Amino acid sequence: MKKIILLFFLVFISCDSNDCGDIVDKYERDGKYFFTLTRGNNNNNNSEGGGQAEVTKETYESFSVGQEYCLE
């Protein structure tokens, strides 16, 4: 079930190539690296949700919790 939810969030986040969010958590699982992101609406600063994004080890090590990360 967790894999289905994770896949949903990965698809949800990767739909918009200019999607950015604040990193609220970082974790490693089974040799893969992930950020937990929250997204905001630029028009009115209300929260729009978020999700997980799988990243490379290099990206994982170069960002800290609290920083903004944009999917490429």
C-alpha atoms as a PDB file:
ATOM      1  CA  MET A   1       0.000   0.000   0.000  1.00  0.00           C
ATOM      2  CA  LYS A   2       2.854   2.398   0.831  1.00  0.00           C
ATOM      3  CA  LYS A   3       4.336   1.857  -2.629  1.00  0.00           C
ATOM      4  CA  ILE A   4       1.028   2.787  -4.267  1.00  0.00           C
ATOM      5  CA  ILE A   5       0.786   5.979  -2.230  1.00  0.00           C
ATOM      6  CA  LEU A   6       4.425   6.825  -2.979  1.00  0.00           C
ATOM      7  CA  LEU A   7       3.869   6.269  -6.698  1.00  0.00           C
ATOM      8  CA  PHE A   8       0.805   8.504  -6.596  1.00  0.00           C
ATOM      9  CA  PHE A   9       2.797  11.327  -5.000  1.00  0.00           C
ATOM     10  CA  LEU A  10       5.686  10.900  -7.428  1.00  0.00           C
ATOM     11  CA  VAL A  11       3.311  11.134 -10.387  1.00  0.00           C
ATOM     12  CA  PHE A  12       1.432  14.020  -8.776  1.00  0.00           C
ATOM     13  CA  ILE A  13       4.583  16.056  -8.205  1.00  0.00           C
ATOM     14  CA  SER A  14       6.231  15.274 -11.529  1.00  0.00           C
ATOM     15  CA  CYS A  15       3.269  16.462 -13.630  1.00  0.00           C
ATOM     16  CA  ASP A  16       4.508  20.047 -13.722  1.00  0.00           C
ATOM     17  CA  SER A  17       8.117  20.516 -14.816  1.00  0.00           C
ATOM     18  CA  ASN A  18       8.304  23.894 -13.003  1.00  0.00           C
ATOM     19  CA  ASP A  19       6.946  22.491  -9.754  1.00  0.00           C
ATOM     20  CA  CYS A  20       8.713  23.768  -6.647  1.00  0.00           C
ATOM     21  CA  GLY A  21       8.269  23.164  -2.950  1.00  0.00           C
ATOM     22  CA  ASP A  22       9.929  23.547   0.410  1.00  0.00           C
ATOM     23  CA  ILE A  23      11.782  20.517   1.746  1.00  0.00           C
ATOM     24  CA  VAL A  24      10.224  19.523   5.074  1.00  0.00           C
ATOM     25  CA  ASP A  25      11.949  16.137   5.410  1.00  0.00           C
ATOM     26  CA  LYS A  26      14.735  14.104   3.787  1.00  0.00           C
ATOM     27  CA  TYR A  27      15.102  10.349   4.001  1.00  0.00           C
ATOM     28  CA  GLU A  28      16.845   7.373   2.431  1.00  0.00           C
ATOM     29  CA  ARG A  29      15.139   4.026   1.877  1.00  0.00           C
ATOM     30  CA  ASP A  30      16.566   0.962   0.173  1.00  0.00           C
ATOM     31  CA  GLY A  31      19.415   2.958  -1.364  1.00  0.00           C
ATOM     32  CA  LYS A  32      17.058   5.611  -2.827  1.00  0.00           C
ATOM     33  CA  TYR A  33      16.883   9.221  -1.692  1.00  0.00           C
ATOM     34  CA  PHE A  34      13.712  11.253  -1.148  1.00  0.00           C
ATOM     35  CA  PHE A  35      12.545  14.732  -0.215  1.00  0.00           C
ATOM     36  CA  THR A  36       9.173  15.392   1.363  1.00  0.00           C
ATOM     37  CA  LEU A  37       7.910  18.652  -0.124  1.00  0.00           C
ATOM     38  CA  THR A  38       5.156  21.128   0.670  1.00  0.00           C
ATOM     39  CA  ARG A  39       3.943  23.355  -2.093  1.00  0.00           C
ATOM     40  CA  GLY A  40       2.421  26.809  -1.883  1.00  0.00           C
ATOM     41  CA  ASN A  41       0.223  28.748  -4.235  1.00  0.00           C
ATOM     42  CA  ASN A  42       2.165  31.775  -5.487  1.00  0.00           C
ATOM     43  CA  ASN A  43      -1.057  33.756  -5.968  1.00  0.00           C
ATOM     44  CA  ASN A  44      -2.279  33.712  -2.377  1.00  0.00           C
ATOM     45  CA  ASN A  45       0.349  31.801  -0.359  1.00  0.00           C
ATOM     46  CA  ASN A  46      -2.102  29.097   0.686  1.00  0.00           C
ATOM     47  CA  SER A  47      -0.826  25.573   0.991  1.00  0.00           C
ATOM     48  CA  GLU A  48      -1.537  23.384  -2.023  1.00  0.00           C
ATOM     49  CA  GLY A  49      -0.325  20.072  -0.624  1.00  0.00           C
ATOM     50  CA  GLY A  50       2.876  18.342  -1.514  1.00  0.00           C
ATOM     51  CA  GLY A  51       4.399  14.916  -1.679  1.00  0.00           C
ATOM     52  CA  GLN A  52       7.616  12.983  -2.048  1.00  0.00           C
ATOM     53  CA  ALA A  53      10.218  13.354  -4.755  1.00  0.00           C
ATOM     54  CA  GLU A  54      12.940  10.815  -5.452  1.00  0.00           C
ATOM     55  CA  VAL A  55      16.298  12.504  -6.026  1.00  0.00           C
ATOM     56  CA  THR A  56      19.882  11.489  -6.720  1.00  0.00           C
ATOM     57  CA  LYS A  57      22.357  11.097  -3.874  1.00  0.00           C
ATOM     58  CA  GLU A  58      24.184  14.226  -5.047  1.00  0.00           C
ATOM     59  CA  THR A  59      20.965  16.277  -4.983  1.00  0.00           C
ATOM     60  CA  TYR A  60      20.043  14.821  -1.590  1.00  0.00           C
ATOM     61  CA  GLU A  61      23.384  15.894  -0.137  1.00  0.00           C
ATOM     62  CA  SER A  62      23.274  19.390  -1.642  1.00  0.00           C
ATOM     63  CA  PHE A  63      19.900  20.452  -0.172  1.00  0.00           C
ATOM     64  CA  SER A  64      18.810  20.956   3.432  1.00  0.00           C
ATOM     65  CA  VAL A  65      15.433  20.881   5.147  1.00  0.00           C
ATOM     66  CA  GLY A  66      13.810  24.296   4.708  1.00  0.00           C
ATOM     67  CA  GLN A  67      15.269  24.984   1.277  1.00  0.00           C
ATOM     68  CA  GLU A  68      13.190  25.245  -1.871  1.00  0.00           C
ATOM     69  CA  TYR A  69      13.561  22.426  -4.404  1.00  0.00           C
ATOM     70  CA  CYS A  70      12.228  22.536  -7.952  1.00  0.00           C
ATOM     71  CA  LEU A  71      11.632  19.426 -10.001  1.00  0.00           C
ATOM     72  CA  GLU A  72      13.367  19.475 -13.334  1.00  0.00           C
END
